Amino acid sequence: MKTKLNLLTLFAVSALMVVIWYGTKTTDLDDAQDTLPFGEFGDPKSVSLRGQRVLDPQKVAAFTGNNTVATDVQTDASHPKVSYVTSFWAQERGSDVNPHRLEIRASLLANILNPHFDQVVIFLDSVKENANCYHFLKGMKELSHTLDITSFPTTSVNHADLLSRIDKVTCIGSTTGQPNYYQMFKNAVSNHVTGDIVVMANADQAFDDTIALARHLNPEILISLGTRGYSDLISAVPDYIYKQVVGKAHPEYINLSNERRKTPDNCMTIRGSIDTWIFHKSKLKETLRPEPFQRRNEVGEMEFFFMNEMQAENAATWALNQCYQFESVYHACEKIHSWHFHLTPKTHHGGGGHVGQPWNHPHPSKTPKCLEEGNCFLV
């Protein structure tokens, strides 16, 4: 009887240790207060916290035939913390499954398991009663089982003790649909993001060990990245996760005869292609303002622009530099690699249209002033 009570007590304590912050105010997510308890997802200390790897490099190499050497994980507590931030749309239960969703979830899993990220923050769009952070994270836990991971580095946070929690994954629900670019960057500098350095990226961009450089970013530098696509150059761990998660469910997408497998390396071919921004949060926390993220529409009214509009990413880069005058805007995709998990038929959630000027200055450069001076990264 005593043993049974001890087990019940242990289960109750474990369940209470993990909570999700579930916000419903999206005009200013810092004001949201609600919390939603949920079931045990495993010990958050057990998997993929900073300095730990959960995938056996030998197993990865044997499965993929890829022997990419991993970068040592920086565990010095004196170094800045890095938060990965993205936006993903919630799927209502019972609705048709978009095949790209599985690719995005695989990409999120790769970034959650990346030991160079101290925090992963997912703003879940279009949340409804049966499509919220609870269901999303429960599904991510189930997906992690495809990698033989028995516990998940879950979640997140009670806003009241945000800064003291060590949990790695934060999911924040939004009921207003797809955010515009101003809202996305406002989210990225909100109090929900605890890192000193923010990596804000499209949800289907999976990072490898080269993201370790972000920890050493010069505070006066803004980095923009174009994706390296998905090709034979892909690093071992992202390749392994894609093949295990997506390839086993849809082998047609990793068939060598499938031309979609060779997604374009925009880093090498399109200078203006941007999927990721990396910056010190402190530079934009107080200076971010809405006006540079707005353009006049056909009837003369000012409105915000969104992802997937033509030139939106370049306009967002211009807007950031209007909010804070960075010394260089570095297109560092040859140094930091993101891999595009989008081999399924192309589709977009929202989008359309064309963002008007200004958006072409400063243009991200592969040879910025900081590269000449040798101080883009302070290592």
Foldseek 3Di string as FASTA:
>chain_A
DVVVVVVVVVQVVQQVVDWAQEAEDQVARLPGADIDGDHHQADLVPAQAAQDADADLVVLCVVPVFNDDFDHTDDPPVFFAEEEEEEEEWDAPPDDDDLCVLLLLLQLLLQSRANRHQAYEYEYFQDDPRTGPVVVVVVSSVLCVLSVDNGGNDDDDRLVPQQPDRRHYHYYYYNPGADFLLSRVLVQLHPNTNTQKYKYFYSNWHWGNLCNLLSQFDQLEKEFEAAQEADPPDHRSSVSSCCSRPCVVPVVLVPPVQPLNCGHGCLPPPQQHTGIMMHGSVQQNPQRDCVLQWDQDPVGDTDGHHPQAALNVLSSVVSVCVSPPRQAYAHCCVRTHIYGSDSDPDDDDDHYHHDDDDRPPPRHDNCGPCVVVVVRGRD
